[in-house]
Amino acid sequence: MSLDNPFFHRGAIRQAEDFHGRAAQLNEVLGLLRNGQSVSLIGPRRIGKSSLLLHICRPPVRSELGLAAPQSLFVLVDCQELGGSPPAEVYETLLDGLLDAADNAGLSVQTGSDMASYRTLDRALRQISQQGVSVVVLLDEFELLAANEHLTPYFFARLRGLTTKYGLAYLTASQRPLFDITAAEEILSSPFFNVFVTLPLGLFTPAEARSLFANRLKETDCHFSDELVDHLLTLVGPHPFFLHVAGYHAYQTLAQDAISSNPELFAALDEAIEVEADSHLGYLWQNLTADEQYALAIAEGPVDNLRLLEQQCLLSQKDGEYVYTSEILRRYVRRQEVAGLIQAGPFVIDQQRHQVWADGDPMPLTTSQFSILVSLCQSAGNVVHGDELETAVWGDVLLNDPDRLKTLIKRLRRAVAPYDNWIVSERGVGYTLRPPTDN
């Protein structure tokens, strides 16, 4: 990627000046930590959890709430390195981070020769506590530590004990809630998991999403028109990662004078943005259960499934209904095979439950109308002969009445309006389901 493009970020934001938004979340997290309260930060992959932890560790960010060194030490640990480690290695990693933070703050801490033990970690924390200094341990990718089969309930009970003895607070970041990521039931029963306040990290606010483009472009000669920003926000929604993907491709295309402010030309960006976003959407999709995939496809279902999909930033509530958080997600879901569903164009059909949705709206159809639409959707893009449609509705009982099928098609079109123009008549042959722009 070109370094001149200000939307090059794909991983954690590591420069303070590049961090954007999240003011409300920062204040809430830091406020809880200041009072010694441990926090579990949960949110889907690439929503910005690591970026937030890195930003919290910056002294200027913490200083406003009295949490800067030397009054407070913040120790950031990436648990990706500890997924298979024995307890001694975890203790050593925590101690190394603690000593580095203490040294940077000018604090003196004496340790023995055994750096890989709980006793040494405990001794170091005691010395720091006696100097009136608080400690916060930030554990990124915490699910890898929680699922570590080498770590016992006793290990986590010891970590919990440090909060009681020294006022230590933890800030964990994981994709799913703590109760959903532990290796075994006995681990979950550890008192360690009872000390956390759970805070979700989700999508940007609309204002944060819109201002991201302006902030990234302020040091460049490039400008996104309001029409282009509206198009990008509709396409990718207020998701930090997808906003950077969209901004990157819009910037590259503008730099090549390949688009203008004409909204009709914005769609040329869609393919490049979707190609890059596809692998991340695939990861999210593959990590859903079959029931969750079904609920996402119809944007309905059991409350627990819908809440999980909302937590994963795939659905959001609007006017009391669940809707997709972006157009690229809706398009991706429509391309997937979902057990029990037929998906074609704007239509999603559940044959077993005799239900039809069009772009999320339920479409009540008669049995005959339902049979016709199923036949058309199963062969979307191809012509279905009139005789086949009559057989789908009336079985082998065929009558020499060409108006019978025409009447049923007319009623079906009325029933699925405003998507009636997807049902295209192929004169003298039959009908097909295809986008009306293909006419």
Protein backbone atom coordinates (compact mmCIF):
# COMPACT_ATOMS: atom_id res chain seq x y z
CA MET A 1 0.00 0.00 0.00
CA SER A 2 1.14 3.53 -0.75
CA LEU A 3 2.30 5.39 2.34
CA ASP A 4 0.89 8.55 0.77
CA ASN A 5 -2.60 7.15 1.17
CA PRO A 6 -3.80 8.17 4.68
CA PHE A 7 -6.14 5.18 4.88
CA PHE A 8 -3.34 2.60 4.96
CA HIS A 9 -4.28 1.30 8.45
CA ARG A 10 -5.39 -2.33 8.56
CA GLY A 11 -4.11 -3.38 11.99
CA ALA A 12 -3.97 -1.66 15.36
CA ILE A 13 -3.54 2.13 15.33
CA ARG A 14 -0.07 2.68 16.82
CA GLN A 15 0.37 6.44 16.41
CA ALA A 16 -1.50 8.72 18.81
CA GLU A 17 -2.31 11.23 16.07
CA ASP A 18 -3.99 8.52 14.01
CA PHE A 19 -6.35 7.36 16.75
CA HIS A 20 -9.91 8.47 16.04
CA GLY A 21 -13.13 8.69 18.05
CA ARG A 22 -14.08 6.51 21.03
CA ALA A 23 -14.19 9.42 23.49
CA ALA A 24 -17.16 7.98 25.38
CA GLN A 25 -15.56 4.53 25.66
CA LEU A 26 -12.24 5.98 26.82
CA ASN A 27 -13.88 7.98 29.58
CA GLU A 28 -15.95 5.03 30.76
CA VAL A 29 -13.07 2.54 30.79
CA LEU A 30 -10.62 4.90 32.47
CA GLY A 31 -13.22 5.96 35.00
CA LEU A 32 -13.77 2.35 36.03
CA LEU A 33 -10.05 1.58 36.16
CA ARG A 34 -9.39 4.66 38.29
CA ASN A 35 -11.75 3.18 40.89
CA GLY A 36 -9.96 -0.17 40.81
CA GLN A 37 -12.68 -1.87 38.80
CA SER A 38 -11.59 -4.54 36.31
CA VAL A 39 -13.12 -4.28 32.84
CA SER A 40 -13.84 -6.83 30.13
CA LEU A 41 -13.88 -5.15 26.73
CA ILE A 42 -15.65 -7.26 24.12
CA GLY A 43 -16.10 -6.70 20.41
CA PRO A 44 -15.63 -8.46 17.07
CA ARG A 45 -12.37 -8.83 15.21
CA ARG A 46 -10.98 -5.59 13.76
CA ILE A 47 -13.42 -3.34 15.58
CA GLY A 48 -10.52 -1.52 17.28
CA LYS A 49 -9.96 -3.24 20.63
CA SER A 50 -6.16 -3.36 20.31
CA SER A 51 -6.10 0.25 19.12
CA LEU A 52 -8.08 1.31 22.19
CA LEU A 53 -5.76 -0.56 24.57
CA LEU A 54 -2.70 1.01 22.97
CA HIS A 55 -4.29 4.45 23.23
CA ILE A 56 -5.21 3.95 26.88
CA CYS A 57 -1.57 3.15 27.63
CA ARG A 58 -0.43 6.60 26.45
CA PRO A 59 0.31 8.82 29.49
CA PRO A 60 -1.37 11.96 28.08
CA VAL A 61 -4.60 10.03 27.59
CA ARG A 62 -4.59 8.77 31.17
CA SER A 63 -3.31 11.91 32.84
CA GLU A 64 -6.64 13.75 32.77
CA LEU A 65 -8.06 11.13 35.13
CA GLY A 66 -4.99 10.97 37.35
CA LEU A 67 -3.80 7.65 35.99
CA ALA A 68 -0.47 8.66 34.49
CA ALA A 69 2.89 7.43 35.81
CA PRO A 70 4.26 7.45 38.42
CA GLN A 71 0.88 7.38 40.21
CA SER A 72 -0.30 4.52 38.00
CA LEU A 73 1.49 1.86 35.98
CA PHE A 74 -0.15 0.35 32.91
CA VAL A 75 1.19 -3.01 31.73
CA LEU A 76 0.07 -4.18 28.27
CA VAL A 77 0.40 -7.89 27.47
CA ASP A 78 -0.42 -9.52 24.13
CA CYS A 79 -1.89 -12.91 25.03
CA GLN A 80 -1.22 -14.26 21.54
CA GLU A 81 2.20 -15.19 22.91
CA LEU A 82 0.73 -17.01 25.90
CA GLY A 83 -1.89 -19.28 24.34
CA GLY A 84 0.10 -22.42 25.14
CA SER A 85 2.36 -21.18 27.93
CA PRO A 86 2.64 -22.80 31.38
CA PRO A 87 1.89 -20.63 34.43
CA ALA A 88 5.58 -19.82 35.04
CA GLU A 89 5.91 -18.19 31.60
CA VAL A 90 2.78 -16.12 32.17
CA TYR A 91 4.07 -14.90 35.54
CA GLU A 92 7.41 -14.02 33.96
CA THR A 93 5.73 -12.08 31.15
CA LEU A 94 3.61 -10.13 33.62
CA LEU A 95 6.64 -9.40 35.78
CA ASP A 96 8.75 -8.24 32.82
CA GLY A 97 6.03 -5.80 31.79
CA LEU A 98 5.61 -4.57 35.35
CA LEU A 99 9.33 -3.96 35.82
CA ASP A 100 9.59 -2.12 32.50
CA ALA A 101 6.69 0.15 33.48
CA ALA A 102 8.20 0.76 36.91
CA ASP A 103 11.61 1.55 35.45
CA ASN A 104 10.09 4.02 32.98
CA ALA A 105 8.32 5.72 35.89
CA GLY A 106 11.52 5.92 37.94
CA LEU A 107 10.35 3.44 40.58
CA SER A 108 12.76 1.09 42.31
CA VAL A 109 11.67 -2.55 42.57
CA GLN A 110 13.83 -5.34 43.98
CA THR A 111 13.37 -8.90 42.68
CA GLY A 112 15.07 -12.22 43.30
CA SER A 113 16.75 -14.43 40.73
CA ASP A 114 13.60 -16.46 40.00
CA MET A 115 11.68 -14.30 37.54
CA ALA A 116 9.23 -17.03 36.53
CA SER A 117 7.24 -17.44 39.72
CA TYR A 118 4.09 -16.08 41.30
CA ARG A 119 6.02 -15.26 44.48
CA THR A 120 8.37 -12.88 42.65
CA LEU A 121 5.45 -11.18 40.90
CA ASP A 122 3.65 -10.84 44.23
CA ARG A 123 6.76 -9.34 45.89
CA ALA A 124 7.15 -6.76 43.11
CA LEU A 125 3.53 -5.71 43.33
CA ARG A 126 3.82 -5.34 47.11
CA GLN A 127 6.75 -2.95 46.74
CA ILE A 128 4.91 -0.90 44.14
CA SER A 129 1.76 -0.79 46.25
CA GLN A 130 3.70 0.38 49.28
CA GLN A 131 4.83 3.38 47.23
CA GLY A 132 1.18 4.36 46.70
CA VAL A 133 1.19 3.36 43.03
CA SER A 134 -1.74 1.58 41.36
CA VAL A 135 -1.30 -1.01 38.62
CA VAL A 136 -3.51 -1.89 35.66
CA VAL A 137 -2.75 -4.98 33.58
CA LEU A 138 -4.16 -4.89 30.05
CA LEU A 139 -4.57 -8.32 28.45
CA ASP A 140 -5.16 -8.15 24.70
CA GLU A 141 -6.52 -11.23 22.87
CA PHE A 142 -7.52 -12.52 26.29
CA GLU A 143 -9.49 -15.46 24.90
CA LEU A 144 -6.18 -17.17 24.08
CA LEU A 145 -5.12 -16.97 27.72
CA ALA A 146 -8.53 -18.00 29.05
CA ALA A 147 -8.55 -21.06 26.77
CA ASN A 148 -4.97 -22.09 27.68
CA GLU A 149 -5.27 -25.69 28.85
CA HIS A 150 -2.13 -25.36 30.98
CA LEU A 151 -3.77 -22.81 33.25
CA THR A 152 -5.83 -24.12 36.15
CA PRO A 153 -8.53 -22.52 38.31
CA TYR A 154 -5.81 -22.06 40.93
CA PHE A 155 -3.79 -19.92 38.49
CA PHE A 156 -6.75 -17.61 37.86
CA ALA A 157 -7.58 -17.53 41.57
CA ARG A 158 -4.07 -16.21 42.19
CA LEU A 159 -4.58 -13.47 39.61
CA ARG A 160 -7.84 -12.62 41.37
CA GLY A 161 -6.01 -12.47 44.70
CA LEU A 162 -3.75 -9.71 43.41
CA THR A 163 -6.78 -7.44 43.01
CA THR A 164 -7.65 -7.95 46.68
CA LYS A 165 -4.15 -7.51 48.07
CA TYR A 166 -2.87 -4.65 45.94
CA GLY A 167 -5.87 -3.06 44.22
CA LEU A 168 -4.64 -4.38 40.90
CA ALA A 169 -7.16 -3.91 38.07
CA TYR A 170 -7.40 -5.84 34.81
CA LEU A 171 -8.56 -4.69 31.40
CA THR A 172 -9.15 -7.64 29.09
CA ALA A 173 -10.04 -7.49 25.39
CA SER A 174 -11.75 -10.43 23.69
CA GLN A 175 -14.11 -11.11 20.83
CA ARG A 176 -16.70 -12.79 23.01
CA PRO A 177 -17.77 -12.48 26.66
CA LEU A 178 -15.60 -14.15 29.29
CA PHE A 179 -18.16 -16.86 30.03
CA ASP A 180 -18.01 -17.89 26.38
CA ILE A 181 -14.24 -18.21 25.93
CA THR A 182 -12.90 -20.31 28.80
CA ALA A 183 -11.33 -23.72 28.26
CA ALA A 184 -13.46 -25.55 30.83
CA GLU A 185 -16.33 -25.08 33.25
CA GLU A 186 -14.05 -25.24 36.27
CA ILE A 187 -12.04 -22.31 34.88
CA LEU A 188 -15.20 -20.25 34.50
CA SER A 189 -16.07 -20.95 38.13
CA SER A 190 -12.86 -19.22 39.25
CA PRO A 191 -13.53 -16.03 41.27
CA PHE A 192 -11.28 -14.23 38.78
CA PHE A 193 -14.15 -14.03 36.31
CA ASN A 194 -16.49 -12.42 38.84
CA VAL A 195 -14.62 -9.12 39.16
CA PHE A 196 -15.27 -7.70 35.70
CA VAL A 197 -17.61 -5.08 34.33
CA THR A 198 -18.38 -5.98 30.71
CA LEU A 199 -18.27 -3.19 28.14
CA PRO A 200 -19.02 -3.75 24.44
CA LEU A 201 -16.93 -2.02 21.79
CA GLY A 202 -18.96 -1.64 18.65
CA LEU A 203 -19.38 0.52 15.60
CA PHE A 204 -18.44 4.16 15.37
CA THR A 205 -21.20 6.68 15.88
CA PRO A 206 -22.45 8.24 12.61
CA ALA A 207 -20.55 11.43 13.48
CA GLU A 208 -17.32 9.52 14.18
CA ALA A 209 -17.65 7.59 10.92
CA ARG A 210 -18.21 10.73 8.87
CA SER A 211 -15.44 12.73 10.53
CA LEU A 212 -12.91 9.91 10.02
CA PHE A 213 -12.69 10.75 6.33
CA ALA A 214 -12.13 14.46 7.00
CA ASN A 215 -9.51 13.77 9.67
CA ARG A 216 -7.52 11.38 7.51
CA LEU A 217 -7.60 13.76 4.53
CA LYS A 218 -6.69 16.99 6.35
CA GLU A 219 -2.95 16.66 5.54
CA THR A 220 -3.58 15.81 1.89
CA ASP A 221 -4.74 17.65 -1.21
CA CYS A 222 -7.61 15.21 -1.67
CA HIS A 223 -11.25 15.94 -0.80
CA PHE A 224 -14.23 13.59 -0.57
CA SER A 225 -17.47 15.26 -1.62
CA ASP A 226 -20.52 14.89 0.61
CA GLU A 227 -22.08 12.67 -2.04
CA LEU A 228 -19.05 10.36 -2.05
CA VAL A 229 -18.98 10.16 1.75
CA ASP A 230 -22.70 9.30 1.78
CA HIS A 231 -22.09 6.54 -0.74
CA LEU A 232 -19.18 5.07 1.22
CA LEU A 233 -21.07 5.17 4.53
CA THR A 234 -24.02 3.36 2.98
CA LEU A 235 -21.71 0.79 1.42
CA VAL A 236 -19.55 -0.08 4.45
CA GLY A 237 -21.44 1.35 7.42
CA PRO A 238 -19.76 2.86 10.52
CA HIS A 239 -17.26 0.00 10.96
CA PRO A 240 -13.70 1.31 11.58
CA PHE A 241 -11.95 -1.36 9.51
CA PHE A 242 -14.31 -1.11 6.53
CA LEU A 243 -14.19 2.68 6.65
CA HIS A 244 -10.42 2.52 6.17
CA VAL A 245 -10.83 0.03 3.32
CA ALA A 246 -13.41 2.25 1.64
CA GLY A 247 -11.36 5.40 2.19
CA TYR A 248 -8.23 3.76 0.80
CA HIS A 249 -9.85 2.76 -2.48
CA ALA A 250 -11.70 6.06 -2.84
CA TYR A 251 -8.44 7.96 -2.31
CA GLN A 252 -6.56 5.80 -4.83
CA THR A 253 -9.28 6.21 -7.41
CA LEU A 254 -9.54 9.95 -6.93
CA ALA A 255 -5.76 10.26 -7.21
CA GLN A 256 -6.05 8.65 -10.63
CA ASP A 257 -8.93 10.95 -11.62
CA ALA A 258 -11.01 7.85 -12.20
CA ILE A 259 -14.16 9.18 -10.52
CA SER A 260 -15.73 12.56 -10.03
CA SER A 261 -18.49 13.90 -7.81
CA ASN A 262 -21.07 12.25 -10.07
CA PRO A 263 -22.89 9.70 -7.89
CA GLU A 264 -23.47 7.48 -10.91
CA LEU A 265 -19.72 6.83 -11.02
CA PHE A 266 -19.32 5.95 -7.34
CA ALA A 267 -20.44 2.37 -7.92
CA ALA A 268 -17.15 1.80 -9.75
CA LEU A 269 -15.52 1.75 -6.30
CA ASP A 270 -17.73 -0.98 -4.95
CA GLU A 271 -15.97 -3.95 -6.51
CA ALA A 272 -12.50 -3.08 -5.20
CA ILE A 273 -13.86 -2.38 -1.71
CA GLU A 274 -15.85 -5.61 -1.64
CA VAL A 275 -12.90 -7.70 -2.82
CA GLU A 276 -10.75 -6.51 0.09
CA ALA A 277 -13.60 -6.75 2.62
CA ASP A 278 -14.59 -10.25 1.51
CA SER A 279 -12.02 -12.19 3.55
CA HIS A 280 -13.00 -10.44 6.79
CA LEU A 281 -16.70 -10.96 6.13
CA GLY A 282 -15.90 -14.61 5.41
CA TYR A 283 -14.15 -14.94 8.76
CA LEU A 284 -17.16 -13.49 10.59
CA TRP A 285 -19.57 -15.70 8.64
CA GLN A 286 -17.64 -18.91 9.21
CA ASN A 287 -17.53 -18.28 12.96
CA LEU A 288 -21.33 -18.20 13.19
CA THR A 289 -23.37 -21.30 13.94
CA ALA A 290 -25.92 -22.51 11.39
CA ASP A 291 -28.71 -20.98 13.48
CA GLU A 292 -26.87 -17.67 13.66
CA GLN A 293 -26.28 -17.69 9.90
CA TYR A 294 -29.98 -18.32 9.37
CA ALA A 295 -30.93 -15.46 11.72
CA LEU A 296 -28.48 -13.13 9.94
CA ALA A 297 -29.86 -14.05 6.52
CA ILE A 298 -33.42 -13.12 7.51
CA ALA A 299 -32.55 -10.52 10.19
CA GLU A 300 -34.99 -12.26 12.48
CA GLY A 301 -34.94 -15.11 14.95
CA PRO A 302 -34.42 -15.89 18.64
CA VAL A 303 -33.47 -12.92 20.79
CA ASP A 304 -30.19 -14.52 21.87
CA ASN A 305 -29.07 -14.96 18.26
CA LEU A 306 -30.03 -11.42 17.33
CA ARG A 307 -28.21 -9.96 20.32
CA LEU A 308 -25.07 -11.92 19.46
CA LEU A 309 -25.25 -10.69 15.85
CA GLU A 310 -25.65 -7.15 17.16
CA GLN A 311 -22.66 -7.67 19.44
CA GLN A 312 -20.68 -8.85 16.42
CA CYS A 313 -21.65 -5.61 14.63
CA LEU A 314 -23.51 -7.48 11.92
CA LEU A 315 -26.99 -6.25 12.78
CA SER A 316 -28.19 -3.05 14.43
CA GLN A 317 -31.58 -1.91 15.62
CA LYS A 318 -33.44 0.75 13.69
CA ASP A 319 -36.98 1.76 14.58
CA GLY A 320 -37.40 -1.42 16.59
CA GLU A 321 -36.23 -3.74 13.79
CA TYR A 322 -32.90 -5.38 13.05
CA VAL A 323 -31.11 -4.30 9.88
CA TYR A 324 -27.73 -5.00 8.31
CA THR A 325 -24.94 -2.67 9.39
CA SER A 326 -23.69 -2.23 5.82
CA GLU A 327 -24.61 -2.85 2.22
CA ILE A 328 -21.48 -4.95 1.61
CA LEU A 329 -22.58 -7.29 4.42
CA ARG A 330 -26.07 -7.63 2.94
CA ARG A 331 -24.58 -8.47 -0.47
CA TYR A 332 -22.16 -10.96 1.10
CA VAL A 333 -24.91 -12.79 2.97
CA ARG A 334 -27.02 -13.00 -0.17
CA ARG A 335 -24.18 -14.86 -1.89
CA GLN A 336 -23.95 -17.54 0.79
CA GLU A 337 -25.56 -20.95 0.97
CA VAL A 338 -27.80 -20.98 4.05
CA ALA A 339 -29.37 -24.22 5.18
CA GLY A 340 -33.14 -24.07 4.73
CA LEU A 341 -33.16 -20.86 2.67
CA ILE A 342 -33.30 -19.84 -0.97
CA GLN A 343 -31.68 -16.46 -1.67
CA ALA A 344 -32.06 -14.68 -4.98
CA GLY A 345 -32.03 -10.97 -5.69
CA PRO A 346 -33.90 -9.17 -2.91
CA PHE A 347 -35.79 -12.34 -1.95
CA VAL A 348 -35.10 -14.76 0.90
CA ILE A 349 -37.38 -17.79 1.09
CA ASP A 350 -37.86 -20.36 3.82
CA GLN A 351 -39.63 -23.25 2.11
CA GLN A 352 -40.29 -25.20 5.32
CA ARG A 353 -41.95 -22.28 7.10
CA HIS A 354 -43.55 -20.88 3.96
CA GLN A 355 -42.06 -17.41 4.59
CA VAL A 356 -40.70 -14.81 2.19
CA TRP A 357 -38.70 -11.65 2.90
CA ALA A 358 -37.69 -8.98 0.40
CA ASP A 359 -34.80 -6.82 1.61
CA GLY A 360 -35.79 -7.71 5.16
CA ASP A 361 -39.51 -7.00 4.79
CA PRO A 362 -41.92 -9.96 5.19
CA MET A 363 -44.00 -10.70 2.12
CA PRO A 364 -47.22 -12.61 2.82
CA LEU A 365 -48.01 -14.74 -0.25
CA THR A 366 -50.69 -17.25 -1.13
CA THR A 367 -49.64 -20.85 -1.68
CA SER A 368 -49.79 -20.41 -5.47
CA GLN A 369 -47.80 -17.17 -5.41
CA PHE A 370 -45.26 -18.79 -3.10
CA SER A 371 -44.79 -21.75 -5.47
CA ILE A 372 -44.21 -19.46 -8.45
CA LEU A 373 -41.66 -17.33 -6.60
CA VAL A 374 -39.79 -20.42 -5.35
CA SER A 375 -39.47 -21.72 -8.91
CA LEU A 376 -38.22 -18.39 -10.20
CA CYS A 377 -35.71 -17.92 -7.36
CA GLN A 378 -34.35 -21.46 -7.69
CA SER A 379 -33.53 -20.68 -11.33
CA ALA A 380 -32.65 -17.00 -10.87
CA GLY A 381 -31.17 -15.53 -14.02
CA ASN A 382 -32.56 -18.30 -16.20
CA VAL A 383 -35.87 -18.51 -18.02
CA VAL A 384 -38.45 -20.81 -16.43
CA HIS A 385 -40.88 -22.15 -19.04
CA GLY A 386 -44.54 -21.44 -18.50
CA ASP A 387 -45.36 -25.16 -18.35
CA GLU A 388 -42.86 -25.62 -15.51
CA LEU A 389 -44.46 -22.82 -13.53
CA GLU A 390 -47.93 -24.26 -14.06
CA THR A 391 -46.69 -27.66 -12.89
CA ALA A 392 -45.18 -26.07 -9.78
CA VAL A 393 -48.58 -24.59 -8.90
CA TRP A 394 -51.16 -27.05 -10.21
CA GLY A 395 -49.16 -30.24 -10.57
CA ASP A 396 -49.88 -32.38 -13.61
CA VAL A 397 -53.35 -30.92 -14.02
CA LEU A 398 -52.73 -28.76 -17.07
CA LEU A 399 -55.45 -26.73 -18.75
CA ASN A 400 -55.41 -24.95 -22.07
CA ASP A 401 -55.81 -21.60 -20.36
CA PRO A 402 -52.82 -19.30 -20.94
CA ASP A 403 -54.47 -16.49 -18.97
CA ARG A 404 -54.45 -18.56 -15.81
CA LEU A 405 -50.67 -18.24 -15.35
CA LYS A 406 -50.63 -14.60 -16.50
CA THR A 407 -53.24 -13.75 -13.86
CA LEU A 408 -51.23 -15.46 -11.15
CA ILE A 409 -48.02 -13.67 -12.21
CA LYS A 410 -49.86 -10.34 -12.13
CA ARG A 411 -51.06 -11.03 -8.58
CA LEU A 412 -47.58 -12.15 -7.52
CA ARG A 413 -46.08 -8.92 -8.85
CA ARG A 414 -48.58 -6.90 -6.85
CA ALA A 415 -47.80 -8.94 -3.73
CA VAL A 416 -44.03 -8.38 -3.94
CA ALA A 417 -44.13 -4.69 -4.94
CA PRO A 418 -41.90 -2.66 -5.10
CA TYR A 419 -39.78 -5.60 -6.26
CA ASP A 420 -42.28 -6.60 -8.96
CA ASN A 421 -39.94 -5.49 -11.76
CA TRP A 422 -37.58 -8.37 -10.84
CA ILE A 423 -40.10 -10.75 -12.42
CA VAL A 424 -39.46 -10.36 -16.12
CA SER A 425 -41.67 -11.78 -18.87
CA GLU A 426 -39.88 -13.66 -21.64
CA ARG A 427 -42.43 -13.38 -24.44
CA GLY A 428 -43.69 -16.71 -25.68
CA VAL A 429 -41.43 -18.72 -23.37
CA GLY A 430 -41.97 -18.00 -19.68
CA TYR A 431 -40.55 -15.80 -16.95
CA THR A 432 -37.23 -15.11 -15.26
CA LEU A 433 -36.03 -13.49 -12.07
CA ARG A 434 -33.30 -10.94 -12.74
CA PRO A 435 -32.38 -7.36 -11.88
CA PRO A 436 -34.65 -4.87 -13.65
CA THR A 437 -31.58 -2.93 -14.91
CA ASP A 438 -30.87 -5.89 -17.20
CA ASN A 439 -33.97 -5.10 -19.22
